[in-house]
């Protein structure tokens, strides 16, 4: 959702009198709440989740089915002029629901990516042959580019309020004696399905935090959700200087406000990494088996540095990889070096050593 935000801005600029409705699953919808480019938000709990096969999942499947019927009714009652789909339609299973939603919208113009030639129900099909090697921001903008929209502005956004900023400021003031010190945010977690595969070892995050604290006098704050608190505590037990653990203390928007206050943000390849880039915070992304061309090739002006190692088994399709060689090869010095480059480039007069 974060990487799709340039689309909303560009559409509103081009169709200035249009009413733009965004259909999204939660919690992605939270990213866009308050956006000046979206007039209506239709959030759904499990819009694109597939049927679970176990008998125990029957009540949830029934609930999802009812939700889909409600969505179909809502769409049929309206008559949209244009339907824009940003999904990557690789595999028929992934393509069928977005295409059906487009049909229910009754829009005469339906535009989407033609990944693996699966955009059969779209009448404007955007070529997507290199879908694994092109950044998601660019791929999303390709879709609306087919409508003649100016897609030159690639800056992502997360919309936060002054109340969010006030909360982040007071949270830091209460827990960290900043006193004009370098503030570094660290996100050591990842999506549950990718936690084992795409997480850099905790002891290395701890080592990086200690080195940057000692070398630059930096203060460290760990971000995350409630489910990641125990994970972060394992990392902090290995540290010489105890950081502030903000995990579980913020909403998504408050976390974004916290990232905005950081001078540098270091993260696994996961959602908060993209949020930090959207908040224009200099960011270091640590990539292992993830799709780095589609997720890590941000423009130089974003002050994003990707840390990864070339490895023969990429792209990775082994969900049960036992070696994790792509992550293990990334050393503490690799991340410390990237952090040093960011600090020297952006803050040399204030924090550089």
Protein backbone atom coordinates (compact mmCIF):
# COMPACT_ATOMS: atom_id res chain seq x y z
CA UNK A 1 0.00 0.00 0.00
CA UNK A 2 2.83 2.40 0.83
CA UNK A 3 4.39 1.81 -2.57
CA UNK A 4 1.06 2.50 -4.29
CA UNK A 5 0.61 5.97 -2.77
CA UNK A 6 2.18 7.87 -5.72
CA UNK A 7 -0.70 6.50 -7.81
CA UNK A 8 -3.37 8.22 -5.72
CA UNK A 9 -1.56 11.55 -5.85
CA UNK A 10 -1.07 11.35 -9.62
CA UNK A 11 -4.69 10.33 -10.30
CA UNK A 12 -6.05 13.24 -8.25
CA UNK A 13 -3.76 15.69 -10.03
CA UNK A 14 -4.86 14.42 -13.46
CA UNK A 15 -8.57 13.92 -12.75
CA UNK A 16 -8.97 16.91 -10.44
CA UNK A 17 -12.78 16.74 -10.32
CA UNK A 18 -12.98 12.98 -9.91
CA UNK A 19 -14.20 11.16 -6.84
CA UNK A 20 -11.62 8.50 -6.03
CA UNK A 21 -12.64 5.42 -4.06
CA UNK A 22 -9.97 3.06 -2.73
CA UNK A 23 -10.83 -0.55 -2.03
CA UNK A 24 -8.31 -2.13 0.35
CA UNK A 25 -7.78 -4.78 2.97
CA UNK A 26 -6.93 -3.77 6.51
CA UNK A 27 -4.37 -2.88 7.81
CA UNK A 28 -3.16 -1.45 4.50
CA UNK A 29 -6.13 0.91 4.49
CA UNK A 30 -4.71 2.61 7.59
CA UNK A 31 -1.78 3.88 5.51
CA UNK A 32 -4.15 5.91 3.33
CA UNK A 33 -6.57 7.24 5.94
CA UNK A 34 -6.39 11.02 5.86
CA UNK A 35 -4.89 11.15 2.37
CA UNK A 36 -6.07 14.25 0.48
CA UNK A 37 -6.11 12.26 -2.76
CA UNK A 38 -8.65 9.62 -1.69
CA UNK A 39 -12.27 10.70 -1.31
CA UNK A 40 -13.64 7.41 -0.02
CA UNK A 41 -12.08 4.36 1.57
CA UNK A 42 -13.73 0.95 1.43
CA UNK A 43 -11.76 -1.21 3.87
CA UNK A 44 -12.42 -4.94 4.06
CA UNK A 45 -11.05 -7.53 6.45
CA UNK A 46 -10.14 -10.34 4.04
CA UNK A 47 -10.71 -9.09 0.53
CA UNK A 48 -8.11 -11.25 -1.22
CA UNK A 49 -7.66 -14.05 1.32
CA UNK A 50 -8.33 -17.49 -0.14
CA UNK A 51 -10.62 -20.15 1.26
CA UNK A 52 -9.13 -22.26 4.02
CA UNK A 53 -9.60 -25.99 3.47
CA UNK A 54 -10.00 -27.21 7.04
CA UNK A 55 -13.41 -27.77 8.59
CA UNK A 56 -12.39 -25.56 11.52
CA UNK A 57 -12.12 -22.65 9.08
CA UNK A 58 -15.73 -22.98 7.91
CA UNK A 59 -17.12 -20.11 10.06
CA UNK A 60 -14.38 -17.79 8.81
CA UNK A 61 -15.01 -18.83 5.21
CA UNK A 62 -18.72 -18.12 5.59
CA UNK A 63 -17.94 -14.70 7.08
CA UNK A 64 -15.58 -13.92 4.19
CA UNK A 65 -18.20 -15.03 1.66
CA UNK A 66 -20.80 -12.73 3.21
CA UNK A 67 -18.31 -9.88 3.10
CA UNK A 68 -17.69 -10.54 -0.59
CA UNK A 69 -21.44 -10.47 -1.31
CA UNK A 70 -21.67 -7.14 0.50
CA UNK A 71 -18.82 -5.78 -1.59
CA UNK A 72 -20.42 -6.99 -4.83
CA UNK A 73 -23.70 -5.29 -3.88
CA UNK A 74 -21.89 -2.04 -3.03
CA UNK A 75 -20.06 -2.00 -6.35
CA UNK A 76 -23.12 -2.90 -8.43
CA UNK A 77 -25.08 -0.05 -6.88
CA UNK A 78 -22.55 2.47 -8.17
CA UNK A 79 -21.39 3.00 -11.71
CA UNK A 80 -17.72 3.82 -11.75
CA UNK A 81 -16.17 5.37 -14.86
CA UNK A 82 -12.70 3.89 -14.43
CA UNK A 83 -11.49 0.83 -12.53
CA UNK A 84 -7.75 0.75 -11.72
CA UNK A 85 -6.22 -2.47 -10.47
CA UNK A 86 -2.67 -2.46 -9.09
CA UNK A 87 -2.35 -6.18 -8.35
CA UNK A 88 0.39 -8.30 -9.86
CA UNK A 89 -1.73 -10.99 -11.51
CA UNK A 90 0.75 -13.88 -11.57
CA UNK A 91 -1.16 -17.14 -11.36
CA UNK A 92 -4.88 -17.55 -12.10
CA UNK A 93 -5.69 -17.86 -8.38
CA UNK A 94 -4.24 -14.40 -7.76
CA UNK A 95 -5.94 -12.89 -10.80
CA UNK A 96 -9.55 -14.02 -10.55
CA UNK A 97 -10.75 -11.87 -7.65
CA UNK A 98 -9.29 -8.54 -8.83
CA UNK A 99 -10.74 -9.13 -12.29
CA UNK A 100 -14.17 -10.03 -10.91
CA UNK A 101 -14.16 -6.91 -8.74
CA UNK A 102 -13.43 -4.92 -11.89
CA UNK A 103 -16.47 -6.43 -13.57
CA UNK A 104 -18.69 -5.69 -10.57
CA UNK A 105 -17.56 -2.05 -10.72
CA UNK A 106 -19.34 -1.82 -14.12
CA UNK A 107 -16.64 0.62 -15.22
CA UNK A 108 -16.34 0.90 -19.02
CA UNK A 109 -12.59 1.49 -18.60
CA UNK A 110 -10.75 -1.21 -16.66
CA UNK A 111 -6.96 -0.99 -16.54
CA UNK A 112 -4.46 -3.34 -14.93
CA UNK A 113 -1.18 -5.18 -15.29
CA UNK A 114 -1.09 -8.06 -17.75
CA UNK A 115 1.17 -10.24 -15.60
CA UNK A 116 1.49 -13.70 -17.16
CA UNK A 117 -1.32 -12.65 -19.54
CA UNK A 118 -3.90 -12.90 -16.79
CA UNK A 119 -5.73 -9.58 -17.33
CA UNK A 120 -8.45 -11.15 -19.47
CA UNK A 121 -11.26 -9.03 -18.03
CA UNK A 122 -9.36 -5.74 -18.31
CA UNK A 123 -9.79 -3.73 -21.49
CA UNK A 124 -6.55 -1.75 -21.04
CA UNK A 125 -3.77 -4.24 -20.40
CA UNK A 126 -0.38 -2.95 -19.29
CA UNK A 127 2.57 -5.19 -20.26
CA UNK A 128 4.27 -6.69 -17.20
CA UNK A 129 6.78 -9.18 -18.56
CA UNK A 130 9.58 -8.18 -16.14
CA UNK A 131 7.40 -8.20 -13.04
CA UNK A 132 10.17 -9.59 -10.81
CA UNK A 133 12.77 -7.06 -11.87
CA UNK A 134 10.95 -3.73 -11.67
CA UNK A 135 10.18 -1.72 -8.54
CA UNK A 136 6.59 -1.91 -7.32
CA UNK A 137 6.34 1.89 -7.35
CA UNK A 138 7.15 1.94 -11.06
CA UNK A 139 4.88 -0.98 -11.86
CA UNK A 140 1.95 0.70 -10.12
CA UNK A 141 2.62 3.95 -11.95
CA UNK A 142 2.79 2.03 -15.25
CA UNK A 143 -0.88 1.16 -14.79
CA UNK A 144 -2.13 4.75 -14.60
CA UNK A 145 0.42 5.84 -17.18
CA UNK A 146 -1.76 3.91 -19.66
CA UNK A 147 -4.50 6.48 -18.90
CA UNK A 148 -2.25 9.37 -19.87
CA UNK A 149 -1.47 10.34 -16.26
CA UNK A 150 1.85 12.04 -15.44
CA UNK A 151 3.85 9.47 -13.46
CA UNK A 152 7.09 11.40 -12.92
CA UNK A 153 6.68 11.84 -9.14
CA UNK A 154 7.69 8.57 -7.44
CA UNK A 155 7.71 9.82 -3.82
CA UNK A 156 5.76 7.53 -1.50
CA UNK A 157 3.77 8.89 1.43
CA UNK A 158 2.15 7.92 4.73
CA UNK A 159 -0.29 10.52 6.03
CA UNK A 160 0.09 11.31 9.72
CA UNK A 161 -1.53 13.95 11.90
CA UNK A 162 -0.07 16.50 14.26
CA UNK A 163 -1.47 14.36 17.07
CA UNK A 164 0.66 11.46 15.80
CA UNK A 165 3.72 13.70 15.75
CA UNK A 166 2.97 14.99 19.24
CA UNK A 167 2.64 11.42 20.54
CA UNK A 168 5.98 10.39 19.00
CA UNK A 169 7.73 13.46 20.38
CA UNK A 170 6.40 12.94 23.89
CA UNK A 171 7.15 9.20 23.80
CA UNK A 172 10.78 9.88 22.95
CA UNK A 173 11.11 12.73 25.43
CA UNK A 174 9.81 10.46 28.18
CA UNK A 175 12.08 7.50 27.42
CA UNK A 176 15.26 8.85 25.80
CA UNK A 177 17.57 11.66 26.82
CA UNK A 178 18.19 12.78 23.26
CA UNK A 179 19.85 16.13 23.93
CA UNK A 180 20.60 16.62 20.20
CA UNK A 181 21.98 13.09 19.88
CA UNK A 182 21.79 10.94 16.76
CA UNK A 183 18.57 8.90 16.88
CA UNK A 184 18.61 5.55 15.07
CA UNK A 185 15.53 3.39 14.63
CA UNK A 186 15.85 -0.38 14.16
CA UNK A 187 13.20 -2.83 13.00
CA UNK A 188 14.37 -6.40 13.60
CA UNK A 189 11.05 -8.09 12.84
CA UNK A 190 9.28 -9.13 9.64
CA UNK A 191 5.95 -10.46 8.44
CA UNK A 192 5.12 -13.72 10.28
CA UNK A 193 5.30 -15.76 7.05
CA UNK A 194 8.73 -14.32 6.25
CA UNK A 195 10.16 -14.03 9.76
CA UNK A 196 12.55 -16.99 9.50
CA UNK A 197 13.56 -16.38 5.90
CA UNK A 198 13.92 -12.59 5.78
CA UNK A 199 15.18 -11.68 9.24
CA UNK A 200 18.83 -10.83 9.79
CA UNK A 201 20.23 -12.52 12.95
CA UNK A 202 19.24 -10.70 16.14
CA UNK A 203 22.76 -10.74 17.53
CA UNK A 204 23.94 -8.78 14.50
CA UNK A 205 21.30 -6.11 14.98
CA UNK A 206 22.49 -5.88 18.58
CA UNK A 207 26.12 -5.58 17.48
CA UNK A 208 25.29 -2.84 14.96
CA UNK A 209 23.37 -0.91 17.60
CA UNK A 210 26.28 -1.11 20.06
CA UNK A 211 28.86 -0.03 17.46
CA UNK A 212 26.80 2.96 16.32
CA UNK A 213 26.08 3.93 19.92
CA UNK A 214 29.77 3.88 20.76
CA UNK A 215 31.06 5.47 17.57
CA UNK A 216 28.48 8.24 17.15
CA UNK A 217 26.91 8.51 20.59
CA UNK A 218 23.66 7.38 18.98
CA UNK A 219 20.47 6.63 20.84
CA UNK A 220 18.66 3.50 19.65
CA UNK A 221 14.91 2.88 19.43
CA UNK A 222 13.44 -0.47 18.35
CA UNK A 223 10.09 -0.41 16.55
CA UNK A 224 7.58 -3.20 16.07
CA UNK A 225 4.17 -4.56 16.96
CA UNK A 226 3.10 -6.30 20.14
CA UNK A 227 3.87 -9.70 18.62
CA UNK A 228 7.50 -8.64 18.13
CA UNK A 229 8.25 -7.50 21.68
CA UNK A 230 9.77 -10.81 22.80
CA UNK A 231 11.88 -10.94 19.64
CA UNK A 232 13.24 -7.46 20.27
CA UNK A 233 13.90 -8.21 23.92
CA UNK A 234 16.09 -11.13 22.84
CA UNK A 235 18.17 -8.72 20.77
CA UNK A 236 18.44 -6.07 23.46
CA UNK A 237 19.65 -8.62 26.02
CA UNK A 238 22.77 -8.93 23.86
CA UNK A 239 23.46 -5.19 23.86
CA UNK A 240 25.88 -3.30 26.09
CA UNK A 241 23.76 -0.15 26.06
CA UNK A 242 20.06 -0.69 26.57
CA UNK A 243 17.85 0.88 23.88
CA UNK A 244 14.29 2.12 24.07
CA UNK A 245 11.77 -0.50 22.94
CA UNK A 246 8.80 1.25 21.33
CA UNK A 247 7.31 -2.00 20.03
CA UNK A 248 3.67 -2.37 21.00
CA UNK A 249 3.39 1.24 22.16
CA UNK A 250 2.29 2.85 18.91
CA UNK A 251 -0.35 2.68 16.24
CA UNK A 252 0.78 2.37 12.64
CA UNK A 253 0.60 6.15 12.12
CA UNK A 254 2.36 6.86 15.43
CA UNK A 255 5.12 4.47 14.38
CA UNK A 256 5.45 6.43 11.14
CA UNK A 257 5.75 9.64 13.16
CA UNK A 258 8.45 7.98 15.25
CA UNK A 259 10.34 7.01 12.09
CA UNK A 260 10.07 10.59 10.88
CA UNK A 261 11.99 11.75 13.95
CA UNK A 262 14.81 9.25 13.42
CA UNK A 263 17.99 10.40 11.73
CA UNK A 264 18.50 6.87 10.36
CA UNK A 265 16.35 3.74 10.16
CA UNK A 266 17.74 0.20 9.80
CA UNK A 267 15.33 -2.59 8.91
CA UNK A 268 14.79 -6.03 7.48
CA UNK A 269 13.03 -6.22 4.13
CA UNK A 270 9.51 -5.56 5.46
CA UNK A 271 6.69 -2.99 5.58
CA UNK A 272 8.18 -0.56 8.14
CA UNK A 273 11.23 -0.22 5.89
CA UNK A 274 8.97 1.23 3.18
CA UNK A 275 7.19 3.41 5.74
CA UNK A 276 10.50 4.94 6.78
CA UNK A 277 11.33 5.76 3.15
CA UNK A 278 7.88 7.34 2.79
CA UNK A 279 8.59 9.52 5.85
CA UNK A 280 11.79 10.68 4.08
CA UNK A 281 14.01 9.16 6.76
CA UNK A 282 17.40 7.90 5.53
CA UNK A 283 16.97 4.13 5.52
CA UNK A 284 19.06 0.97 5.27
CA UNK A 285 17.24 -2.13 4.06
CA UNK A 286 18.72 -5.59 4.69
CA UNK A 287 17.74 -8.00 1.91
CA UNK A 288 18.07 -11.76 1.74
CA UNK A 289 15.71 -13.98 -0.28
CA UNK A 290 13.24 -11.17 -0.97
CA UNK A 291 12.60 -9.65 -4.38
CA UNK A 292 15.17 -6.86 -4.12
CA UNK A 293 14.70 -5.45 -7.65
CA UNK A 294 10.98 -4.90 -6.94
CA UNK A 295 11.33 -3.76 -3.33
CA UNK A 296 14.78 -2.30 -2.77
CA UNK A 297 15.72 -0.21 -5.80
CA UNK A 298 14.63 3.19 -4.54
CA UNK A 299 15.98 6.30 -6.27
CA UNK A 300 19.16 7.93 -4.82
CA UNK A 301 17.26 11.01 -3.67
CA UNK A 302 15.34 8.88 -1.15
CA UNK A 303 18.60 8.28 0.79
CA UNK A 304 17.93 4.55 0.78
CA UNK A 305 20.77 2.03 0.87
CA UNK A 306 20.15 -1.64 0.20
CA UNK A 307 22.49 -4.17 1.83
CA UNK A 308 22.52 -7.59 0.17
CA UNK A 309 24.85 -10.28 -1.14
CA UNK A 310 24.80 -11.87 -4.58
CA UNK A 311 24.04 -15.55 -4.29
CA UNK A 312 23.53 -18.29 -6.88
CA UNK A 313 20.18 -19.50 -5.52
CA UNK A 314 18.39 -16.16 -5.97
CA UNK A 315 15.56 -15.70 -6.82
CA UNK A 316 14.58 -17.88 -3.92
CA UNK A 317 11.53 -20.13 -3.98
CA UNK A 318 12.57 -22.34 -1.07
CA UNK A 319 10.31 -21.44 1.84
CA UNK A 320 12.07 -23.99 4.06
CA UNK A 321 15.68 -23.03 3.33
CA UNK A 322 17.90 -24.40 6.07
CA UNK A 323 21.12 -22.55 5.24
CA UNK A 324 19.84 -18.93 5.01
CA UNK A 325 23.12 -18.25 3.19
CA UNK A 326 21.81 -14.99 1.69
CA UNK A 327 21.27 -13.55 5.19
CA UNK A 328 24.25 -15.18 6.88
CA UNK A 329 26.67 -13.65 4.38
CA UNK A 330 25.66 -10.13 5.38
CA UNK A 331 28.15 -9.15 8.07
CA UNK A 332 27.82 -6.60 10.85
CA UNK A 333 30.47 -4.51 9.12
CA UNK A 334 28.34 -4.35 5.95
CA UNK A 335 25.50 -2.64 7.79
CA UNK A 336 27.80 -0.48 9.93
CA UNK A 337 29.54 0.67 6.75
CA UNK A 338 26.22 1.59 5.13
CA UNK A 339 25.21 3.49 8.25
CA UNK A 340 28.53 5.32 8.24
CA UNK A 341 27.95 6.40 4.64
CA UNK A 342 24.53 7.78 5.49
CA UNK A 343 25.75 9.62 8.59
CA UNK A 344 28.81 11.02 6.83
CA UNK A 345 26.77 12.18 3.84
CA UNK A 346 23.86 13.72 5.74
CA UNK A 347 25.06 14.59 9.24
CA UNK A 348 28.86 14.88 9.05
CA UNK A 349 28.88 18.38 10.53
CA UNK A 350 26.76 17.30 13.47
CA UNK A 351 27.39 13.63 14.25
CA UNK A 352 30.25 12.47 12.01
CA UNK A 353 33.49 11.15 13.47
